[in-house]
Amino acid sequence: ALKLLKEGVRDVPVYYSNGTHVYVGAPITLAEKLSIEHKFFPLLSGGNIFHVWLGEAYPDPEALLKLSWKIAKDTQVGYFAYTKDLTICEECATVSGGLLDACPNCYSPNVRYWSRVTGYYQEVSGWNEAKKRELRERYRVGVLSL
């Protein structure tokens, strides 16, 4: 990264974790991630979020509700968010869960992606290379894995 910066390249594919997050690609269960990250929330006055990167295209609403109650009642997490990646077809406007190479409806490869970065959803094409790398490295979980 330093070599690229010295060469004048501004958009280097290196990122630093913000907040008190476990590495986004750590292959650990949601319960393990919660047990690590929730301890930091009482120490901070704000600006911290617990991310749940969803692995299912269509997570079970009852499981999400149960998980939400568990996080709210049994941890010190003050703010959390579920993120479901989306694929939007440019040809037929189908919106699908997950990051897909082609539209499952019309099979067009002309798709764009949306996901959460720094707290809000936006189109991935506008992200810098480091955030795109983070998106690829995210370890996604099923809501029933807690």
Protein backbone atom coordinates (compact mmCIF):
# COMPACT_ATOMS: atom_id res chain seq x y z
CA ALA A 1 0.00 0.00 0.00
CA LEU A 2 2.81 2.40 0.87
CA LYS A 3 4.46 1.79 -2.52
CA LEU A 4 1.20 2.58 -4.31
CA LEU A 5 0.71 5.75 -2.28
CA LYS A 6 4.25 6.88 -3.10
CA GLU A 7 3.47 6.32 -6.79
CA GLY A 8 0.49 8.65 -6.47
CA VAL A 9 -2.24 6.00 -6.48
CA ARG A 10 -4.97 7.34 -4.20
CA ASP A 11 -7.46 4.46 -4.22
CA VAL A 12 -5.44 1.62 -2.69
CA PRO A 13 -7.15 -1.69 -1.81
CA VAL A 14 -6.23 -1.49 1.87
CA TYR A 15 -8.67 -0.76 4.63
CA TYR A 16 -8.61 -0.39 8.35
CA SER A 17 -11.37 -1.60 10.60
CA ASN A 18 -13.37 1.18 12.16
CA GLY A 19 -14.84 0.96 15.61
CA THR A 20 -14.27 -2.21 17.59
CA HIS A 21 -15.14 -4.76 14.96
CA VAL A 22 -13.69 -8.20 14.67
CA TYR A 23 -12.03 -8.58 11.25
CA VAL A 24 -14.93 -8.73 8.75
CA GLY A 25 -13.66 -11.98 7.25
CA ALA A 26 -13.12 -13.83 10.53
CA PRO A 27 -14.77 -17.26 10.13
CA ILE A 28 -16.38 -17.24 13.56
CA THR A 29 -19.95 -17.79 14.63
CA LEU A 30 -22.27 -14.92 15.32
CA ALA A 31 -22.27 -15.91 19.00
CA GLU A 32 -18.46 -15.66 19.12
CA LYS A 33 -18.51 -12.30 17.36
CA LEU A 34 -21.12 -10.99 19.81
CA SER A 35 -19.15 -12.23 22.82
CA ILE A 36 -16.10 -10.27 21.64
CA GLU A 37 -17.62 -7.05 20.33
CA HIS A 38 -20.38 -6.39 22.89
CA LYS A 39 -17.82 -5.75 25.65
CA PHE A 40 -16.66 -2.53 23.98
CA PHE A 41 -20.02 -0.76 23.72
CA PRO A 42 -20.13 0.49 27.35
CA LEU A 43 -16.64 1.96 26.90
CA LEU A 44 -17.61 4.16 23.96
CA SER A 45 -19.89 7.16 23.84
CA GLY A 46 -21.15 6.43 20.34
CA GLY A 47 -20.17 5.78 16.77
CA ASN A 48 -20.15 2.02 17.15
CA ILE A 49 -22.30 -0.58 15.41
CA PHE A 50 -22.58 -4.35 15.54
CA HIS A 51 -22.90 -5.68 11.99
CA VAL A 52 -24.71 -8.89 11.12
CA TRP A 53 -23.77 -9.69 7.52
CA LEU A 54 -26.61 -11.97 6.41
CA GLY A 55 -25.73 -15.02 4.36
CA GLU A 56 -29.27 -15.94 3.37
CA ALA A 57 -30.92 -14.25 0.43
CA TYR A 58 -34.26 -14.40 2.26
CA PRO A 59 -33.73 -14.74 6.02
CA ASP A 60 -36.56 -16.02 8.18
CA PRO A 61 -38.40 -13.05 9.78
CA GLU A 62 -39.12 -14.98 12.99
CA ALA A 63 -35.44 -15.88 13.34
CA LEU A 64 -34.49 -12.21 12.84
CA LEU A 65 -36.95 -11.14 15.53
CA LYS A 66 -35.65 -13.77 17.94
CA LEU A 67 -32.05 -12.73 17.26
CA SER A 68 -32.92 -9.05 17.69
CA TRP A 69 -34.43 -9.74 21.10
CA LYS A 70 -31.40 -11.80 22.11
CA ILE A 71 -28.96 -9.04 21.11
CA ALA A 72 -31.06 -6.34 22.82
CA LYS A 73 -31.67 -8.24 26.06
CA ASP A 74 -28.56 -10.38 26.54
CA THR A 75 -25.68 -8.19 25.32
CA GLN A 76 -24.26 -4.72 25.83
CA VAL A 77 -24.60 -3.87 22.13
CA GLY A 78 -26.15 -0.43 21.79
CA TYR A 79 -26.68 -0.34 18.04
CA PHE A 80 -26.85 -3.16 15.51
CA ALA A 81 -27.80 -3.65 11.90
CA TYR A 82 -28.63 -6.51 9.59
CA THR A 83 -27.15 -6.23 6.13
CA LYS A 84 -28.47 -8.21 3.20
CA ASP A 85 -26.51 -7.69 -0.01
CA LEU A 86 -28.67 -6.99 -3.06
CA THR A 87 -28.29 -7.64 -6.78
CA ILE A 88 -30.37 -5.45 -9.10
CA CYS A 89 -30.83 -6.43 -12.74
CA GLU A 90 -30.38 -3.61 -15.24
CA GLU A 91 -32.50 -5.45 -17.82
CA CYS A 92 -35.66 -6.53 -15.99
CA ALA A 93 -35.31 -4.64 -12.66
CA THR A 94 -35.45 -7.82 -10.56
CA VAL A 95 -34.04 -7.31 -7.07
CA SER A 96 -32.44 -10.42 -5.56
CA GLY A 97 -30.78 -11.14 -2.25
CA GLY A 98 -27.05 -11.82 -2.35
CA LEU A 99 -24.27 -10.85 -4.74
CA LEU A 100 -25.12 -12.73 -7.93
CA ASP A 101 -23.20 -12.87 -11.22
CA ALA A 102 -26.40 -12.84 -13.26
CA CYS A 103 -30.09 -12.13 -12.82
CA PRO A 104 -32.02 -15.24 -11.69
CA ASN A 105 -35.07 -14.02 -13.63
CA CYS A 106 -33.75 -13.12 -17.12
CA TYR A 107 -30.17 -14.45 -16.74
CA SER A 108 -28.64 -11.14 -17.79
CA PRO A 109 -25.12 -10.52 -16.47
CA ASN A 110 -25.91 -6.78 -16.52
CA VAL A 111 -26.38 -6.36 -12.76
CA ARG A 112 -25.39 -3.89 -10.09
CA TYR A 113 -24.91 -4.40 -6.37
CA TRP A 114 -26.10 -2.62 -3.25
CA SER A 115 -24.90 -3.16 0.29
CA ARG A 116 -24.22 -1.32 3.53
CA VAL A 117 -21.10 0.74 4.02
CA THR A 118 -20.48 3.04 6.99
CA GLY A 119 -24.03 2.68 8.24
CA TYR A 120 -26.20 3.04 5.13
CA TYR A 121 -27.04 1.23 1.90
CA GLN A 122 -25.65 2.46 -1.38
CA GLU A 123 -24.60 1.20 -4.78
CA VAL A 124 -21.29 -0.65 -4.56
CA SER A 125 -19.94 0.83 -7.83
CA GLY A 126 -19.38 4.12 -5.99
CA TRP A 127 -17.24 2.55 -3.27
CA ASN A 128 -13.48 2.86 -3.21
CA GLU A 129 -11.39 -0.26 -3.87
CA ALA A 130 -10.71 -0.87 -0.17
CA LYS A 131 -14.42 -0.98 0.69
CA LYS A 132 -15.08 -3.25 -2.30
CA ARG A 133 -12.41 -5.58 -0.96
CA GLU A 134 -14.03 -5.51 2.48
CA LEU A 135 -17.36 -6.43 0.86
CA ARG A 136 -15.78 -9.48 -0.81
CA GLU A 137 -14.12 -10.54 2.46
CA ARG A 138 -17.18 -10.26 4.71
CA TYR A 139 -18.01 -13.48 6.51
CA ARG A 140 -21.75 -13.86 6.17
CA VAL A 141 -23.86 -15.83 8.63
CA GLY A 142 -27.26 -17.41 8.78
CA VAL A 143 -29.51 -15.97 11.48
CA LEU A 144 -29.99 -19.46 12.88
CA SER A 145 -26.24 -19.81 13.51
CA LEU A 146 -26.46 -18.13 16.93
